[in-house]
Amino acid sequence: MDQGPDQPLGRGGERLHTWAFGDVDPVDAAVLAEVDAGIGAYVMGRNMFDGNRGPWDLSWRGWWGAEPPYHCPVFVLTHHARDPLPMAGGTTFHFVTEGPDRALALAREAAGDARVDIAGGASTIRHYLAAGEIDELTLHLAPVTLGAGESLFAGLDVRLEPLRAVHSPAVTHLTYRVR
């Protein structure tokens, strides 16, 4: 709700991720290190990159500033072509107009023997869950309500087998095997 350049996650949405920035609890730091280990490429939806649905504003370089947190290739699903965007720290955003299957194939090729992470947003994760392309799902549940947003599981019929639940004072990390 009210997503824009000054509010990438909508009004108040940054509160969802305060546990991951600044003075990070050791429990959260360990979970983040484990989740990020071995990732060789990411796939994300256009909205996660910039929140715009139309033609590109080529001056826009993402929500993260000069050095995004990915440090490997990121394949962004979009309907609007754009040249790759290399950034500091080893992140290059590649903009894929040929659909989710092509984005995943490119990410797998780029990752080699490493893992591919489906970074989000909700509709991108929902697509890959429905397609059976996600084996394990980690959710970080922060005690924040925003009043609006996109449902992660709307229209899905997936079975989730709990693997792990770890919590800190700020967030509960839930990991499931997807059946």
C-alpha atoms as a PDB file:
ATOM      1  CA  MET A   1       0.000   0.000   0.000  1.00  0.00           C
ATOM      2  CA  ASP A   2       1.450   3.368  -1.045  1.00  0.00           C
ATOM      3  CA  GLN A   3       4.621   1.822  -2.453  1.00  0.00           C
ATOM      4  CA  GLY A   4       7.071   4.285  -4.004  1.00  0.00           C
ATOM      5  CA  PRO A   5      10.735   5.321  -4.114  1.00  0.00           C
ATOM      6  CA  ASP A   6      10.614   6.618  -0.548  1.00  0.00           C
ATOM      7  CA  GLN A   7       8.628   3.596   0.703  1.00  0.00           C
ATOM      8  CA  PRO A   8       9.833   0.521  -1.211  1.00  0.00           C
ATOM      9  CA  LEU A   9       7.691  -1.855   0.842  1.00  0.00           C
ATOM     10  CA  GLY A  10       4.730   0.481   1.114  1.00  0.00           C
ATOM     11  CA  ARG A  11       3.725   2.618   4.060  1.00  0.00           C
ATOM     12  CA  GLY A  12       5.435   1.211   7.148  1.00  0.00           C
ATOM     13  CA  GLY A  13       6.789  -1.806   5.300  1.00  0.00           C
ATOM     14  CA  GLU A  14      10.395  -1.279   6.343  1.00  0.00           C
ATOM     15  CA  ARG A  15       9.359  -2.429   9.830  1.00  0.00           C
ATOM     16  CA  LEU A  16       9.135  -5.943   8.389  1.00  0.00           C
ATOM     17  CA  HIS A  17      12.922  -6.071   8.031  1.00  0.00           C
ATOM     18  CA  THR A  18      14.323  -4.096  10.975  1.00  0.00           C
ATOM     19  CA  TRP A  19      15.554  -7.395  12.451  1.00  0.00           C
ATOM     20  CA  ALA A  20      17.986  -7.781   9.507  1.00  0.00           C
ATOM     21  CA  PHE A  21      19.679  -4.370   9.627  1.00  0.00           C
ATOM     22  CA  GLY A  22      21.652  -2.388  12.169  1.00  0.00           C
ATOM     23  CA  ASP A  23      22.229  -4.133  15.505  1.00  0.00           C
ATOM     24  CA  VAL A  24      21.262  -7.649  14.401  1.00  0.00           C
ATOM     25  CA  ASP A  25      20.520 -10.250  17.059  1.00  0.00           C
ATOM     26  CA  PRO A  26      22.977 -13.212  16.887  1.00  0.00           C
ATOM     27  CA  VAL A  27      20.095 -15.629  16.206  1.00  0.00           C
ATOM     28  CA  ASP A  28      18.966 -13.562  13.218  1.00  0.00           C
ATOM     29  CA  ALA A  29      22.552 -13.155  11.964  1.00  0.00           C
ATOM     30  CA  ALA A  30      23.040 -16.928  12.032  1.00  0.00           C
ATOM     31  CA  VAL A  31      19.794 -17.556  10.142  1.00  0.00           C
ATOM     32  CA  LEU A  32      20.684 -14.931   7.531  1.00  0.00           C
ATOM     33  CA  ALA A  33      24.153 -16.419   7.045  1.00  0.00           C
ATOM     34  CA  GLU A  34      22.673 -19.889   6.616  1.00  0.00           C
ATOM     35  CA  VAL A  35      19.968 -18.730   4.198  1.00  0.00           C
ATOM     36  CA  ASP A  36      22.470 -16.764   2.093  1.00  0.00           C
ATOM     37  CA  ALA A  37      25.154 -19.483   2.005  1.00  0.00           C
ATOM     38  CA  GLY A  38      25.743 -21.102  -1.357  1.00  0.00           C
ATOM     39  CA  ILE A  39      23.519 -18.845  -3.444  1.00  0.00           C
ATOM     40  CA  GLY A  40      24.838 -18.343  -6.961  1.00  0.00           C
ATOM     41  CA  ALA A  41      21.932 -16.418  -8.484  1.00  0.00           C
ATOM     42  CA  TYR A  42      18.563 -14.905  -7.610  1.00  0.00           C
ATOM     43  CA  VAL A  43      15.224 -14.490  -9.388  1.00  0.00           C
ATOM     44  CA  MET A  44      12.914 -11.656  -8.409  1.00  0.00           C
ATOM     45  CA  GLY A  45       9.847  -9.927  -9.761  1.00  0.00           C
ATOM     46  CA  ARG A  46       9.868  -6.459 -11.257  1.00  0.00           C
ATOM     47  CA  ASN A  47       7.999  -5.004  -8.290  1.00  0.00           C
ATOM     48  CA  MET A  48      10.726  -6.171  -5.921  1.00  0.00           C
ATOM     49  CA  PHE A  49      13.303  -4.366  -8.048  1.00  0.00           C
ATOM     50  CA  ASP A  50      11.532  -1.038  -8.449  1.00  0.00           C
ATOM     51  CA  GLY A  51       7.791  -1.093  -7.800  1.00  0.00           C
ATOM     52  CA  ASN A  52       7.004   0.331 -11.236  1.00  0.00           C
ATOM     53  CA  ARG A  53       4.763  -1.481 -13.692  1.00  0.00           C
ATOM     54  CA  GLY A  54       5.407   0.580 -16.826  1.00  0.00           C
ATOM     55  CA  PRO A  55       8.401   1.496 -18.969  1.00  0.00           C
ATOM     56  CA  TRP A  56      11.745   1.829 -17.195  1.00  0.00           C
ATOM     57  CA  ASP A  57      13.057   4.959 -15.583  1.00  0.00           C
ATOM     58  CA  LEU A  58      16.686   4.234 -16.510  1.00  0.00           C
ATOM     59  CA  SER A  59      17.959   6.488 -13.748  1.00  0.00           C
ATOM     60  CA  TRP A  60      16.423   4.078 -11.202  1.00  0.00           C
ATOM     61  CA  ARG A  61      18.980   1.560  -9.925  1.00  0.00           C
ATOM     62  CA  GLY A  62      16.895  -0.363  -7.379  1.00  0.00           C
ATOM     63  CA  TRP A  63      15.996   0.139  -3.743  1.00  0.00           C
ATOM     64  CA  TRP A  64      19.400  -0.808  -2.324  1.00  0.00           C
ATOM     65  CA  GLY A  65      21.754   1.993  -3.274  1.00  0.00           C
ATOM     66  CA  ALA A  66      25.095   1.555  -5.031  1.00  0.00           C
ATOM     67  CA  GLU A  67      25.855  -1.887  -3.562  1.00  0.00           C
ATOM     68  CA  PRO A  68      22.886  -4.277  -3.465  1.00  0.00           C
ATOM     69  CA  PRO A  69      23.036  -7.162  -0.969  1.00  0.00           C
ATOM     70  CA  TYR A  70      23.008  -9.938  -3.603  1.00  0.00           C
ATOM     71  CA  HIS A  71      26.669 -10.122  -4.766  1.00  0.00           C
ATOM     72  CA  CYS A  72      25.819 -12.396  -7.711  1.00  0.00           C
ATOM     73  CA  PRO A  73      23.573 -12.305 -10.803  1.00  0.00           C
ATOM     74  CA  VAL A  74      19.917 -11.365 -10.247  1.00  0.00           C
ATOM     75  CA  PHE A  75      17.294 -12.133 -12.901  1.00  0.00           C
ATOM     76  CA  VAL A  76      14.357  -9.715 -12.778  1.00  0.00           C
ATOM     77  CA  LEU A  77      11.040 -10.745 -14.346  1.00  0.00           C
ATOM     78  CA  THR A  78       9.627  -7.913 -16.433  1.00  0.00           C
ATOM     79  CA  HIS A  79       7.541  -7.081 -19.501  1.00  0.00           C
ATOM     80  CA  HIS A  80       9.883  -4.223 -20.446  1.00  0.00           C
ATOM     81  CA  ALA A  81      13.325  -4.887 -21.909  1.00  0.00           C
ATOM     82  CA  ARG A  82      16.344  -3.243 -20.323  1.00  0.00           C
ATOM     83  CA  ASP A  83      20.095  -3.737 -20.635  1.00  0.00           C
ATOM     84  CA  PRO A  84      21.841  -5.536 -17.757  1.00  0.00           C
ATOM     85  CA  LEU A  85      22.671  -3.295 -14.816  1.00  0.00           C
ATOM     86  CA  PRO A  86      26.042  -4.082 -13.185  1.00  0.00           C
ATOM     87  CA  MET A  87      26.497  -2.683  -9.685  1.00  0.00           C
ATOM     88  CA  ALA A  88      29.091  -2.687  -6.906  1.00  0.00           C
ATOM     89  CA  GLY A  89      29.798  -5.855  -4.961  1.00  0.00           C
ATOM     90  CA  GLY A  90      29.323  -8.290  -7.848  1.00  0.00           C
ATOM     91  CA  THR A  91      25.588  -7.835  -8.388  1.00  0.00           C
ATOM     92  CA  THR A  92      24.373  -7.575 -11.967  1.00  0.00           C
ATOM     93  CA  PHE A  93      20.646  -7.257 -12.590  1.00  0.00           C
ATOM     94  CA  HIS A  94      19.488  -9.005 -15.782  1.00  0.00           C
ATOM     95  CA  PHE A  95      15.999  -8.116 -17.005  1.00  0.00           C
ATOM     96  CA  VAL A  96      14.121 -11.101 -18.439  1.00  0.00           C
ATOM     97  CA  THR A  97      11.111 -10.545 -20.697  1.00  0.00           C
ATOM     98  CA  GLU A  98      10.699 -14.181 -21.803  1.00  0.00           C
ATOM     99  CA  GLY A  99       8.869 -15.300 -18.667  1.00  0.00           C
ATOM    100  CA  PRO A 100       9.539 -17.118 -15.396  1.00  0.00           C
ATOM    101  CA  ASP A 101      10.736 -20.374 -16.955  1.00  0.00           C
ATOM    102  CA  ARG A 102      13.413 -18.543 -18.938  1.00  0.00           C
ATOM    103  CA  ALA A 103      14.451 -16.479 -15.897  1.00  0.00           C
ATOM    104  CA  LEU A 104      14.896 -19.648 -13.834  1.00  0.00           C
ATOM    105  CA  ALA A 105      16.875 -21.354 -16.623  1.00  0.00           C
ATOM    106  CA  LEU A 106      19.196 -18.345 -16.888  1.00  0.00           C
ATOM    107  CA  ALA A 107      19.624 -18.212 -13.121  1.00  0.00           C
ATOM    108  CA  ARG A 108      20.450 -21.922 -12.952  1.00  0.00           C
ATOM    109  CA  GLU A 109      23.002 -21.525 -15.718  1.00  0.00           C
ATOM    110  CA  ALA A 110      24.592 -18.536 -13.982  1.00  0.00           C
ATOM    111  CA  ALA A 111      24.628 -20.288 -10.589  1.00  0.00           C
ATOM    112  CA  GLY A 112      26.350 -23.422 -11.860  1.00  0.00           C
ATOM    113  CA  ASP A 113      26.592 -25.798  -8.901  1.00  0.00           C
ATOM    114  CA  ALA A 114      25.383 -23.147  -6.450  1.00  0.00           C
ATOM    115  CA  ARG A 115      21.777 -22.585  -5.383  1.00  0.00           C
ATOM    116  CA  VAL A 116      19.208 -20.317  -7.029  1.00  0.00           C
ATOM    117  CA  ASP A 117      17.116 -18.275  -4.605  1.00  0.00           C
ATOM    118  CA  ILE A 118      13.641 -17.040  -5.506  1.00  0.00           C
ATOM    119  CA  ALA A 119      13.842 -13.688  -3.722  1.00  0.00           C
ATOM    120  CA  GLY A 120      10.269 -12.507  -4.197  1.00  0.00           C
ATOM    121  CA  GLY A 121       7.898 -10.742  -4.251  1.00  0.00           C
ATOM    122  CA  ALA A 122       4.798 -12.684  -3.394  1.00  0.00           C
ATOM    123  CA  SER A 123       3.512 -13.299  -6.939  1.00  0.00           C
ATOM    124  CA  THR A 124       6.939 -14.519  -8.085  1.00  0.00           C
ATOM    125  CA  ILE A 125       7.212 -16.932  -5.161  1.00  0.00           C
ATOM    126  CA  ARG A 126       3.616 -18.048  -5.737  1.00  0.00           C
ATOM    127  CA  HIS A 127       4.390 -18.793  -9.407  1.00  0.00           C
ATOM    128  CA  TYR A 128       7.414 -20.955  -8.600  1.00  0.00           C
ATOM    129  CA  LEU A 129       5.602 -22.734  -5.741  1.00  0.00           C
ATOM    130  CA  ALA A 130       2.737 -23.600  -8.102  1.00  0.00           C
ATOM    131  CA  ALA A 131       5.228 -24.807 -10.713  1.00  0.00           C
ATOM    132  CA  GLY A 132       6.907 -27.091  -8.158  1.00  0.00           C
ATOM    133  CA  GLU A 133      10.229 -25.266  -8.484  1.00  0.00           C
ATOM    134  CA  ILE A 134      10.714 -24.477  -4.783  1.00  0.00           C
ATOM    135  CA  ASP A 135      11.932 -27.337  -2.586  1.00  0.00           C
ATOM    136  CA  GLU A 136      12.398 -25.399   0.638  1.00  0.00           C
ATOM    137  CA  LEU A 137      10.719 -22.220   1.800  1.00  0.00           C
ATOM    138  CA  THR A 138      12.012 -19.960   4.543  1.00  0.00           C
ATOM    139  CA  LEU A 139       9.699 -17.288   5.911  1.00  0.00           C
ATOM    140  CA  HIS A 140      10.737 -14.543   8.309  1.00  0.00           C
ATOM    141  CA  LEU A 141       7.633 -13.654  10.320  1.00  0.00           C
ATOM    142  CA  ALA A 142       7.938 -10.267  11.993  1.00  0.00           C
ATOM    143  CA  PRO A 143       5.261  -9.139  14.468  1.00  0.00           C
ATOM    144  CA  VAL A 144       4.139  -6.308  12.185  1.00  0.00           C
ATOM    145  CA  THR A 145       0.739  -5.771  10.605  1.00  0.00           C
ATOM    146  CA  LEU A 146       0.405  -3.412   7.674  1.00  0.00           C
ATOM    147  CA  GLY A 147      -3.272  -3.768   6.855  1.00  0.00           C
ATOM    148  CA  ALA A 148      -2.726  -4.519   3.163  1.00  0.00           C
ATOM    149  CA  GLY A 149      -0.454  -6.370   0.807  1.00  0.00           C
ATOM    150  CA  GLU A 150      -0.269  -9.346  -1.464  1.00  0.00           C
ATOM    151  CA  SER A 151      -1.036 -12.825  -0.120  1.00  0.00           C
ATOM    152  CA  LEU A 152       1.836 -15.274  -0.526  1.00  0.00           C
ATOM    153  CA  PHE A 153      -0.376 -18.372  -0.684  1.00  0.00           C
ATOM    154  CA  ALA A 154      -3.529 -17.093  -2.458  1.00  0.00           C
ATOM    155  CA  GLY A 155      -4.849 -19.701  -4.880  1.00  0.00           C
ATOM    156  CA  LEU A 156      -2.169 -22.279  -4.044  1.00  0.00           C
ATOM    157  CA  ASP A 157      -2.619 -25.869  -2.963  1.00  0.00           C
ATOM    158  CA  VAL A 158       0.814 -26.776  -1.587  1.00  0.00           C
ATOM    159  CA  ARG A 159       1.800 -28.940   1.362  1.00  0.00           C
ATOM    160  CA  LEU A 160       4.417 -27.522   3.687  1.00  0.00           C
ATOM    161  CA  GLU A 161       6.309 -29.816   6.040  1.00  0.00           C
ATOM    162  CA  PRO A 162       7.782 -27.902   8.981  1.00  0.00           C
ATOM    163  CA  LEU A 163      11.549 -28.324   9.219  1.00  0.00           C
ATOM    164  CA  ARG A 164      12.575 -25.637  11.669  1.00  0.00           C
ATOM    165  CA  ALA A 165      11.382 -22.682  13.712  1.00  0.00           C
ATOM    166  CA  VAL A 166      13.911 -20.321  15.290  1.00  0.00           C
ATOM    167  CA  HIS A 167      13.108 -17.004  16.903  1.00  0.00           C
ATOM    168  CA  SER A 168      14.696 -13.888  18.284  1.00  0.00           C
ATOM    169  CA  PRO A 169      12.966 -11.016  20.068  1.00  0.00           C
ATOM    170  CA  ALA A 170      12.208  -9.425  16.681  1.00  0.00           C
ATOM    171  CA  VAL A 171      11.274 -12.231  14.269  1.00  0.00           C
ATOM    172  CA  THR A 172      10.430 -15.919  13.894  1.00  0.00           C
ATOM    173  CA  HIS A 173      12.236 -17.782  11.111  1.00  0.00           C
ATOM    174  CA  LEU A 174      10.183 -20.665   9.722  1.00  0.00           C
ATOM    175  CA  THR A 175      11.593 -23.213   7.288  1.00  0.00           C
ATOM    176  CA  TYR A 176       9.428 -25.702   5.412  1.00  0.00           C
ATOM    177  CA  ARG A 177       9.980 -28.470   2.899  1.00  0.00           C
ATOM    178  CA  VAL A 178       7.549 -27.982   0.015  1.00  0.00           C
ATOM    179  CA  ARG A 179       5.690 -31.158  -0.983  1.00  0.00           C
END
